[in-house]
Amino acid sequence: MEKQSNGHKICEALSDPTRTKILQYLLEKYPEARTISDIEKILPKSVSATTISFHLKKLREAGLITTNGHKKGFRASRKAVKIGFNGNGFHLAEE
């Protein structure tokens, strides 16, 4: 059985402009992993590594990104994100 996405976690993760910027960057770099230092460089304003870690945690909890440890970096879970909504809830589709 396919794991169901948690629509509330996805909405929460994508509700913050910094998180959407991080996800967009990781989607552009897919399948390569990027470190917190790499991510820090693309953000429009100075954001601490601790804050970036918080945002990455929210994206991971939503199933949008993965990691094999902070030192190895973070990557988008899939090449593209397409989110659909119907009577059965939210669905992530791979393109």
PDB file of N, CA and C in Angstrom:
ATOM      1  N   MET A   1       0.844  -1.190   0.000  1.00  0.00           N
ATOM      2  CA  MET A   1       0.000   0.000   0.000  1.00  0.00           C
ATOM      3  C   MET A   1       0.884   1.248   0.000  1.00  0.00           C
ATOM      4  N   GLU A   2       0.540   2.209  -0.849  1.00  0.00           N
ATOM      5  CA  GLU A   2       1.309   3.442  -0.964  1.00  0.00           C
ATOM      6  C   GLU A   2       1.107   4.302   0.276  1.00  0.00           C
ATOM      7  N   LYS A   3       2.195   4.874   0.761  1.00  0.00           N
ATOM      8  CA  LYS A   3       2.116   5.736   1.943  1.00  0.00           C
ATOM      9  C   LYS A   3       1.340   7.003   1.590  1.00  0.00           C
ATOM     10  N   GLN A   4       0.352   7.334   2.401  1.00  0.00           N
ATOM     11  CA  GLN A   4      -0.450   8.534   2.172  1.00  0.00           C
ATOM     12  C   GLN A   4       0.314   9.777   2.641  1.00  0.00           C
ATOM     13  N   SER A   5       0.239  10.838   1.861  1.00  0.00           N
ATOM     14  CA  SER A   5       0.844  12.110   2.241  1.00  0.00           C
ATOM     15  C   SER A   5      -0.053  12.801   3.249  1.00  0.00           C
ATOM     16  N   ASN A   6       0.570  13.511   4.150  1.00  0.00           N
ATOM     17  CA  ASN A   6      -0.186  14.270   5.132  1.00  0.00           C
ATOM     18  C   ASN A   6      -0.389  15.687   4.584  1.00  0.00           C
ATOM     19  N   GLY A   7      -1.602  15.949   4.110  1.00  0.00           N
ATOM     20  CA  GLY A   7      -1.900  17.238   3.491  1.00  0.00           C
ATOM     21  C   GLY A   7      -1.670  18.416   4.401  1.00  0.00           C
ATOM     22  N   HIS A   8      -1.958  18.257   5.685  1.00  0.00           N
ATOM     23  CA  HIS A   8      -1.754  19.356   6.624  1.00  0.00           C
ATOM     24  C   HIS A   8      -0.273  19.687   6.765  1.00  0.00           C
ATOM     25  N   LYS A   9       0.572  18.660   6.817  1.00  0.00           N
ATOM     26  CA  LYS A   9       2.018  18.899   6.933  1.00  0.00           C
ATOM     27  C   LYS A   9       2.556  19.542   5.655  1.00  0.00           C
ATOM     28  N   ILE A  10       2.031  19.117   4.504  1.00  0.00           N
ATOM     29  CA  ILE A  10       2.457  19.709   3.232  1.00  0.00           C
ATOM     30  C   ILE A  10       2.077  21.186   3.192  1.00  0.00           C
ATOM     31  N   CYS A  11       0.838  21.493   3.551  1.00  0.00           N
ATOM     32  CA  CYS A  11       0.390  22.893   3.561  1.00  0.00           C
ATOM     33  C   CYS A  11       1.203  23.730   4.541  1.00  0.00           C
ATOM     34  N   GLU A  12       1.452  23.175   5.714  1.00  0.00           N
ATOM     35  CA  GLU A  12       2.250  23.897   6.706  1.00  0.00           C
ATOM     36  C   GLU A  12       3.659  24.157   6.170  1.00  0.00           C
ATOM     37  N   ALA A  13       4.259  23.132   5.561  1.00  0.00           N
ATOM     38  CA  ALA A  13       5.617  23.273   5.043  1.00  0.00           C
ATOM     39  C   ALA A  13       5.688  24.324   3.943  1.00  0.00           C
ATOM     40  N   LEU A  14       4.694  24.353   3.076  1.00  0.00           N
ATOM     41  CA  LEU A  14       4.723  25.278   1.942  1.00  0.00           C
ATOM     42  C   LEU A  14       4.148  26.652   2.256  1.00  0.00           C
ATOM     43  N   SER A  15       3.671  26.848   3.482  1.00  0.00           N
ATOM     44  CA  SER A  15       3.073  28.130   3.848  1.00  0.00           C
ATOM     45  C   SER A  15       4.110  29.206   4.150  1.00  0.00           C
ATOM     46  N   ASP A  16       5.361  28.822   4.281  1.00  0.00           N
ATOM     47  CA  ASP A  16       6.413  29.778   4.618  1.00  0.00           C
ATOM     48  C   ASP A  16       7.265  30.083   3.380  1.00  0.00           C
ATOM     49  N   PRO A  17       7.464  31.365   3.039  1.00  0.00           N
ATOM     50  CA  PRO A  17       8.233  31.714   1.847  1.00  0.00           C
ATOM     51  C   PRO A  17       9.675  31.193   1.856  1.00  0.00           C
ATOM     52  N   THR A  18      10.301  31.149   3.023  1.00  0.00           N
ATOM     53  CA  THR A  18      11.675  30.632   3.097  1.00  0.00           C
ATOM     54  C   THR A  18      11.689  29.153   2.746  1.00  0.00           C
ATOM     55  N   ARG A  19      10.718  28.400   3.248  1.00  0.00           N
ATOM     56  CA  ARG A  19      10.662  26.963   2.939  1.00  0.00           C
ATOM     57  C   ARG A  19      10.381  26.724   1.460  1.00  0.00           C
ATOM     58  N   THR A  20       9.505  27.532   0.871  1.00  0.00           N
ATOM     59  CA  THR A  20       9.231  27.336  -0.557  1.00  0.00           C
ATOM     60  C   THR A  20      10.478  27.662  -1.387  1.00  0.00           C
ATOM     61  N   LYS A  21      11.245  28.654  -0.973  1.00  0.00           N
ATOM     62  CA  LYS A  21      12.496  28.999  -1.668  1.00  0.00           C
ATOM     63  C   LYS A  21      13.499  27.846  -1.550  1.00  0.00           C
ATOM     64  N   ILE A  22      13.612  27.264  -0.361  1.00  0.00           N
ATOM     65  CA  ILE A  22      14.518  26.125  -0.153  1.00  0.00           C
ATOM     66  C   ILE A  22      14.082  24.946  -1.009  1.00  0.00           C
ATOM     67  N   LEU A  23      12.781  24.629  -1.007  1.00  0.00           N
ATOM     68  CA  LEU A  23      12.295  23.498  -1.806  1.00  0.00           C
ATOM     69  C   LEU A  23      12.534  23.752  -3.286  1.00  0.00           C
ATOM     70  N   GLN A  24      12.269  24.949  -3.754  1.00  0.00           N
ATOM     71  CA  GLN A  24      12.497  25.281  -5.162  1.00  0.00           C
ATOM     72  C   GLN A  24      13.963  25.049  -5.535  1.00  0.00           C
ATOM     73  N   TYR A  25      14.864  25.490  -4.685  1.00  0.00           N
ATOM     74  CA  TYR A  25      16.307  25.303  -4.916  1.00  0.00           C
ATOM     75  C   TYR A  25      16.659  23.822  -4.974  1.00  0.00           C
ATOM     76  N   LEU A  26      16.148  23.039  -4.013  1.00  0.00           N
ATOM     77  CA  LEU A  26      16.465  21.604  -3.990  1.00  0.00           C
ATOM     78  C   LEU A  26      15.850  20.881  -5.182  1.00  0.00           C
ATOM     79  N   LEU A  27      14.690  21.312  -5.651  1.00  0.00           N
ATOM     80  CA  LEU A  27      14.092  20.728  -6.854  1.00  0.00           C
ATOM     81  C   LEU A  27      14.955  21.021  -8.081  1.00  0.00           C
ATOM     82  N   GLU A  28      15.494  22.236  -8.158  1.00  0.00           N
ATOM     83  CA  GLU A  28      16.372  22.607  -9.278  1.00  0.00           C
ATOM     84  C   GLU A  28      17.644  21.767  -9.286  1.00  0.00           C
ATOM     85  N   LYS A  29      18.141  21.387  -8.120  1.00  0.00           N
ATOM     86  CA  LYS A  29      19.397  20.643  -7.996  1.00  0.00           C
ATOM     87  C   LYS A  29      19.192  19.122  -7.972  1.00  0.00           C
ATOM     88  N   TYR A  30      17.946  18.656  -7.977  1.00  0.00           N
ATOM     89  CA  TYR A  30      17.635  17.231  -7.899  1.00  0.00           C
ATOM     90  C   TYR A  30      18.411  16.471  -8.969  1.00  0.00           C
ATOM     91  N   PRO A  31      19.023  15.337  -8.668  1.00  0.00           N
ATOM     92  CA  PRO A  31      18.988  14.565  -7.431  1.00  0.00           C
ATOM     93  C   PRO A  31      20.159  14.857  -6.488  1.00  0.00           C
ATOM     94  N   GLU A  32      20.893  15.920  -6.768  1.00  0.00           N
ATOM     95  CA  GLU A  32      22.049  16.256  -5.932  1.00  0.00           C
ATOM     96  C   GLU A  32      21.608  16.760  -4.565  1.00  0.00           C
ATOM     97  N   ALA A  33      22.387  16.444  -3.548  1.00  0.00           N
ATOM     98  CA  ALA A  33      22.132  16.939  -2.187  1.00  0.00           C
ATOM     99  C   ALA A  33      22.861  18.270  -2.000  1.00  0.00           C
ATOM    100  N   ARG A  34      22.293  19.114  -1.173  1.00  0.00           N
ATOM    101  CA  ARG A  34      22.888  20.408  -0.848  1.00  0.00           C
ATOM    102  C   ARG A  34      22.980  20.552   0.665  1.00  0.00           C
ATOM    103  N   THR A  35      24.069  21.168   1.121  1.00  0.00           N
ATOM    104  CA  THR A  35      24.291  21.356   2.559  1.00  0.00           C
ATOM    105  C   THR A  35      23.579  22.622   3.043  1.00  0.00           C
ATOM    106  N   ILE A  36      23.530  22.776   4.349  1.00  0.00           N
ATOM    107  CA  ILE A  36      22.945  23.986   4.928  1.00  0.00           C
ATOM    108  C   ILE A  36      23.713  25.216   4.454  1.00  0.00           C
ATOM    109  N   SER A  37      25.029  25.105   4.322  1.00  0.00           N
ATOM    110  CA  SER A  37      25.838  26.232   3.824  1.00  0.00           C
ATOM    111  C   SER A  37      25.437  26.611   2.405  1.00  0.00           C
ATOM    112  N   ASP A  38      25.207  25.612   1.550  1.00  0.00           N
ATOM    113  CA  ASP A  38      24.757  25.881   0.184  1.00  0.00           C
ATOM    114  C   ASP A  38      23.411  26.602   0.198  1.00  0.00           C
ATOM    115  N   ILE A  39      22.505  26.105   1.027  1.00  0.00           N
ATOM    116  CA  ILE A  39      21.160  26.672   1.101  1.00  0.00           C
ATOM    117  C   ILE A  39      21.207  28.103   1.627  1.00  0.00           C
ATOM    118  N   GLU A  40      22.060  28.344   2.608  1.00  0.00           N
ATOM    119  CA  GLU A  40      22.199  29.675   3.200  1.00  0.00           C
ATOM    120  C   GLU A  40      22.560  30.715   2.137  1.00  0.00           C
ATOM    121  N   LYS A  41      23.373  30.327   1.148  1.00  0.00           N
ATOM    122  CA  LYS A  41      23.844  31.253   0.109  1.00  0.00           C
ATOM    123  C   LYS A  41      22.740  31.691  -0.843  1.00  0.00           C
ATOM    124  N   ILE A  42      21.680  30.899  -0.996  1.00  0.00           N
ATOM    125  CA  ILE A  42      20.646  31.238  -1.977  1.00  0.00           C
ATOM    126  C   ILE A  42      19.474  32.007  -1.361  1.00  0.00           C
ATOM    127  N   LEU A  43      19.465  32.104  -0.054  1.00  0.00           N
ATOM    128  CA  LEU A  43      18.357  32.801   0.597  1.00  0.00           C
ATOM    129  C   LEU A  43      18.564  34.307   0.503  1.00  0.00           C
ATOM    130  N   PRO A  44      17.482  35.058   0.285  1.00  0.00           N
ATOM    131  CA  PRO A  44      17.606  36.496   0.042  1.00  0.00           C
ATOM    132  C   PRO A  44      18.084  37.321   1.236  1.00  0.00           C
ATOM    133  N   LYS A  45      17.896  36.824   2.441  1.00  0.00           N
ATOM    134  CA  LYS A  45      18.347  37.576   3.615  1.00  0.00           C
ATOM    135  C   LYS A  45      19.138  36.640   4.515  1.00  0.00           C
ATOM    136  N   SER A  46      19.833  37.218   5.445  1.00  0.00           N
ATOM    137  CA  SER A  46      20.654  36.419   6.355  1.00  0.00           C
ATOM    138  C   SER A  46      19.758  35.560   7.258  1.00  0.00           C
ATOM    139  N   VAL A  47      19.898  34.251   7.115  1.00  0.00           N
ATOM    140  CA  VAL A  47      19.133  33.304   7.918  1.00  0.00           C
ATOM    141  C   VAL A  47      20.141  32.386   8.596  1.00  0.00           C
ATOM    142  N   SER A  48      20.006  32.209   9.899  1.00  0.00           N
ATOM    143  CA  SER A  48      20.973  31.391  10.641  1.00  0.00           C
ATOM    144  C   SER A  48      20.841  29.922  10.269  1.00  0.00           C
ATOM    145  N   ALA A  49      21.909  29.176  10.485  1.00  0.00           N
ATOM    146  CA  ALA A  49      21.906  27.735  10.224  1.00  0.00           C
ATOM    147  C   ALA A  49      20.844  27.033  11.067  1.00  0.00           C
ATOM    148  N   THR A  50      20.625  27.520  12.280  1.00  0.00           N
ATOM    149  CA  THR A  50      19.600  26.937  13.154  1.00  0.00           C
ATOM    150  C   THR A  50      18.212  27.113  12.551  1.00  0.00           C
ATOM    151  N   THR A  51      17.947  28.286  12.010  1.00  0.00           N
ATOM    152  CA  THR A  51      16.652  28.551  11.385  1.00  0.00           C
ATOM    153  C   THR A  51      16.486  27.711  10.119  1.00  0.00           C
ATOM    154  N   ILE A  52      17.551  27.592   9.333  1.00  0.00           N
ATOM    155  CA  ILE A  52      17.489  26.752   8.137  1.00  0.00           C
ATOM    156  C   ILE A  52      17.204  25.306   8.533  1.00  0.00           C
ATOM    157  N   SER A  53      17.827  24.821   9.594  1.00  0.00           N
ATOM    158  CA  SER A  53      17.569  23.459  10.082  1.00  0.00           C
ATOM    159  C   SER A  53      16.098  23.278  10.449  1.00  0.00           C
ATOM    160  N   PHE A  54      15.512  24.278  11.079  1.00  0.00           N
ATOM    161  CA  PHE A  54      14.089  24.227  11.433  1.00  0.00           C
ATOM    162  C   PHE A  54      13.232  24.098  10.172  1.00  0.00           C
ATOM    163  N   HIS A  55      13.532  24.905   9.160  1.00  0.00           N
ATOM    164  CA  HIS A  55      12.780  24.852   7.910  1.00  0.00           C
ATOM    165  C   HIS A  55      12.956  23.490   7.216  1.00  0.00           C
ATOM    166  N   LEU A  56      14.162  22.977   7.225  1.00  0.00           N
ATOM    167  CA  LEU A  56      14.422  21.669   6.616  1.00  0.00           C
ATOM    168  C   LEU A  56      13.653  20.566   7.341  1.00  0.00           C
ATOM    169  N   LYS A  57      13.553  20.677   8.651  1.00  0.00           N
ATOM    170  CA  LYS A  57      12.794  19.696   9.423  1.00  0.00           C
ATOM    171  C   LYS A  57      11.328  19.689   8.990  1.00  0.00           C
ATOM    172  N   LYS A  58      10.743  20.863   8.812  1.00  0.00           N
ATOM    173  CA  LYS A  58       9.346  20.967   8.374  1.00  0.00           C
ATOM    174  C   LYS A  58       9.167  20.344   6.981  1.00  0.00           C
ATOM    175  N   LEU A  59      10.111  20.593   6.091  1.00  0.00           N
ATOM    176  CA  LEU A  59      10.037  20.016   4.744  1.00  0.00           C
ATOM    177  C   LEU A  59      10.201  18.494   4.785  1.00  0.00           C
ATOM    178  N   ARG A  60      11.079  18.000   5.667  1.00  0.00           N
ATOM    179  CA  ARG A  60      11.256  16.540   5.828  1.00  0.00           C
ATOM    180  C   ARG A  60       9.999  15.904   6.383  1.00  0.00           C
ATOM    181  N   GLU A  61       9.403  16.522   7.407  1.00  0.00           N
ATOM    182  CA  GLU A  61       8.184  15.982   8.016  1.00  0.00           C
ATOM    183  C   GLU A  61       7.048  15.883   7.004  1.00  0.00           C
ATOM    184  N   ALA A  62       7.045  16.765   6.022  1.00  0.00           N
ATOM    185  CA  ALA A  62       6.012  16.752   4.986  1.00  0.00           C
ATOM    186  C   ALA A  62       6.340  15.759   3.871  1.00  0.00           C
ATOM    187  N   GLY A  63       7.531  15.163   3.926  1.00  0.00           N
ATOM    188  CA  GLY A  63       7.928  14.202   2.900  1.00  0.00           C
ATOM    189  C   GLY A  63       8.411  14.836   1.611  1.00  0.00           C
ATOM    190  N   LEU A  64       8.741  16.128   1.657  1.00  0.00           N
ATOM    191  CA  LEU A  64       9.151  16.838   0.448  1.00  0.00           C
ATOM    192  C   LEU A  64      10.653  16.759   0.196  1.00  0.00           C
ATOM    193  N   ILE A  65      11.439  16.548   1.257  1.00  0.00           N
ATOM    194  CA  ILE A  65      12.891  16.412   1.114  1.00  0.00           C
ATOM    195  C   ILE A  65      13.377  15.236   1.953  1.00  0.00           C
ATOM    196  N   THR A  66      14.594  14.791   1.669  1.00  0.00           N
ATOM    197  CA  THR A  66      15.217  13.713   2.427  1.00  0.00           C
ATOM    198  C   THR A  66      16.655  14.092   2.747  1.00  0.00           C
ATOM    199  N   THR A  67      17.251  13.335   3.679  1.00  0.00           N
ATOM    200  CA  THR A  67      18.654  13.539   4.037  1.00  0.00           C
ATOM    201  C   THR A  67      19.239  12.231   4.545  1.00  0.00           C
ATOM    202  N   ASN A  68      20.542  12.119   4.401  1.00  0.00           N
ATOM    203  CA  ASN A  68      21.286  11.017   5.007  1.00  0.00           C
ATOM    204  C   ASN A  68      22.196  11.583   6.094  1.00  0.00           C
ATOM    205  N   GLY A  69      21.778  12.697   6.676  1.00  0.00           N
ATOM    206  CA  GLY A  69      22.566  13.375   7.701  1.00  0.00           C
ATOM    207  C   GLY A  69      22.940  14.770   7.244  1.00  0.00           C
ATOM    208  N   HIS A  70      22.999  15.696   8.198  1.00  0.00           N
ATOM    209  CA  HIS A  70      23.274  17.100   7.881  1.00  0.00           C
ATOM    210  C   HIS A  70      24.559  17.284   7.073  1.00  0.00           C
ATOM    211  N   LYS A  71      25.585  16.528   7.398  1.00  0.00           N
ATOM    212  CA  LYS A  71      26.884  16.689   6.720  1.00  0.00           C
ATOM    213  C   LYS A  71      26.811  16.275   5.253  1.00  0.00           C
ATOM    214  N   LYS A  72      25.953  15.287   4.938  1.00  0.00           N
ATOM    215  CA  LYS A  72      25.814  14.812   3.558  1.00  0.00           C
ATOM    216  C   LYS A  72      24.844  15.654   2.753  1.00  0.00           C
ATOM    217  N   GLY A  73      24.068  16.481   3.420  1.00  0.00           N
ATOM    218  CA  GLY A  73      23.178  17.395   2.722  1.00  0.00           C
ATOM    219  C   GLY A  73      21.741  16.913   2.623  1.00  0.00           C
ATOM    220  N   PHE A  74      20.950  17.708   1.927  1.00  0.00           N
ATOM    221  CA  PHE A  74      19.519  17.493   1.780  1.00  0.00           C
ATOM    222  C   PHE A  74      19.188  17.512   0.299  1.00  0.00           C
ATOM    223  N   ARG A  75      18.170  16.748  -0.082  1.00  0.00           N
ATOM    224  CA  ARG A  75      17.744  16.768  -1.476  1.00  0.00           C
ATOM    225  C   ARG A  75      16.229  16.632  -1.537  1.00  0.00           C
ATOM    226  N   ALA A  76      15.671  17.078  -2.647  1.00  0.00           N
ATOM    227  CA  ALA A  76      14.234  16.925  -2.864  1.00  0.00           C
ATOM    228  C   ALA A  76      13.924  15.437  -2.945  1.00  0.00           C
ATOM    229  N   SER A  77      12.766  15.045  -2.471  1.00  0.00           N
ATOM    230  CA  SER A  77      12.361  13.637  -2.486  1.00  0.00           C
ATOM    231  C   SER A  77      12.059  13.135  -3.894  1.00  0.00           C
ATOM    232  N   ARG A  78      11.732  14.040  -4.785  1.00  0.00           N
ATOM    233  CA  ARG A  78      11.390  13.680  -6.156  1.00  0.00           C
ATOM    234  C   ARG A  78      11.830  14.813  -7.077  1.00  0.00           C
ATOM    235  N   LYS A  79      11.811  14.541  -8.366  1.00  0.00           N
ATOM    236  CA  LYS A  79      12.295  15.509  -9.356  1.00  0.00           C
ATOM    237  C   LYS A  79      11.396  16.742  -9.447  1.00  0.00           C
ATOM    238  N   ALA A  80      10.111  16.536  -9.289  1.00  0.00           N
ATOM    239  CA  ALA A  80       9.145  17.639  -9.352  1.00  0.00           C
ATOM    240  C   ALA A  80       8.047  17.364  -8.336  1.00  0.00           C
ATOM    241  N   VAL A  81       7.390  18.387  -7.911  1.00  0.00           N
ATOM    242  CA  VAL A  81       6.294  18.230  -6.961  1.00  0.00           C
ATOM    243  C   VAL A  81       5.018  18.739  -7.615  1.00  0.00           C
ATOM    244  N   LYS A  82       4.059  17.864  -7.706  1.00  0.00           N
ATOM    245  CA  LYS A  82       2.732  18.227  -8.194  1.00  0.00           C
ATOM    246  C   LYS A  82       1.760  17.819  -7.104  1.00  0.00           C
ATOM    247  N   ILE A  83       1.030  18.771  -6.596  1.00  0.00           N
ATOM    248  CA  ILE A  83       0.116  18.513  -5.488  1.00  0.00           C
ATOM    249  C   ILE A  83      -1.310  18.619  -6.003  1.00  0.00           C
ATOM    250  N   GLY A  84      -2.075  17.566  -5.765  1.00  0.00           N
ATOM    251  CA  GLY A  84      -3.475  17.559  -6.152  1.00  0.00           C
ATOM    252  C   GLY A  84      -4.358  17.417  -4.923  1.00  0.00           C
ATOM    253  N   PHE A  85      -5.580  17.853  -5.051  1.00  0.00           N
ATOM    254  CA  PHE A  85      -6.518  17.741  -3.942  1.00  0.00           C
ATOM    255  C   PHE A  85      -7.849  17.273  -4.498  1.00  0.00           C
ATOM    256  N   ASN A  86      -8.398  16.251  -3.867  1.00  0.00           N
ATOM    257  CA  ASN A  86      -9.733  15.791  -4.238  1.00  0.00           C
ATOM    258  C   ASN A  86     -10.452  15.344  -2.978  1.00  0.00           C
ATOM    259  N   GLY A  87     -11.579  14.680  -3.121  1.00  0.00           N
ATOM    260  CA  GLY A  87     -12.355  14.261  -1.968  1.00  0.00           C
ATOM    261  C   GLY A  87     -11.628  13.316  -1.035  1.00  0.00           C
ATOM    262  N   ASN A  88     -10.546  12.712  -1.506  1.00  0.00           N
ATOM    263  CA  ASN A  88      -9.748  11.799  -0.692  1.00  0.00           C
ATOM    264  C   ASN A  88      -8.539  12.472  -0.063  1.00  0.00           C
ATOM    265  N   GLY A  89      -8.410  13.786  -0.202  1.00  0.00           N
ATOM    266  CA  GLY A  89      -7.303  14.505   0.413  1.00  0.00           C
ATOM    267  C   GLY A  89      -6.242  14.942  -0.583  1.00  0.00           C
ATOM    268  N   PHE A  90      -5.077  15.255  -0.054  1.00  0.00           N
ATOM    269  CA  PHE A  90      -3.950  15.716  -0.854  1.00  0.00           C
ATOM    270  C   PHE A  90      -3.183  14.533  -1.417  1.00  0.00           C
ATOM    271  N   HIS A  91      -2.600  14.728  -2.591  1.00  0.00           N
ATOM    272  CA  HIS A  91      -1.784  13.690  -3.208  1.00  0.00           C
ATOM    273  C   HIS A  91      -0.553  14.341  -3.839  1.00  0.00           C
ATOM    274  N   LEU A  92       0.583  13.730  -3.633  1.00  0.00           N
ATOM    275  CA  LEU A  92       1.806  14.162  -4.322  1.00  0.00           C
ATOM    276  C   LEU A  92       1.998  13.221  -5.501  1.00  0.00           C
ATOM    277  N   ALA A  93       2.265  13.777  -6.650  1.00  0.00           N
ATOM    278  CA  ALA A  93       2.489  12.956  -7.838  1.00  0.00           C
ATOM    279  C   ALA A  93       3.870  13.236  -8.395  1.00  0.00           C
ATOM    280  N   GLU A  94       4.554  12.200  -8.811  1.00  0.00           N
ATOM    281  CA  GLU A  94       5.871  12.365  -9.411  1.00  0.00           C
ATOM    282  C   GLU A  94       5.701  12.583 -10.886  1.00  0.00           C
ATOM    283  N   GLU A  95       6.436  13.555 -11.424  1.00  0.00           N
ATOM    284  CA  GLU A  95       6.368  13.851 -12.866  1.00  0.00           C
ATOM    285  C   GLU A  95       7.584  13.319 -13.554  1.00  0.00           C
TER     286      GLU A  95
END
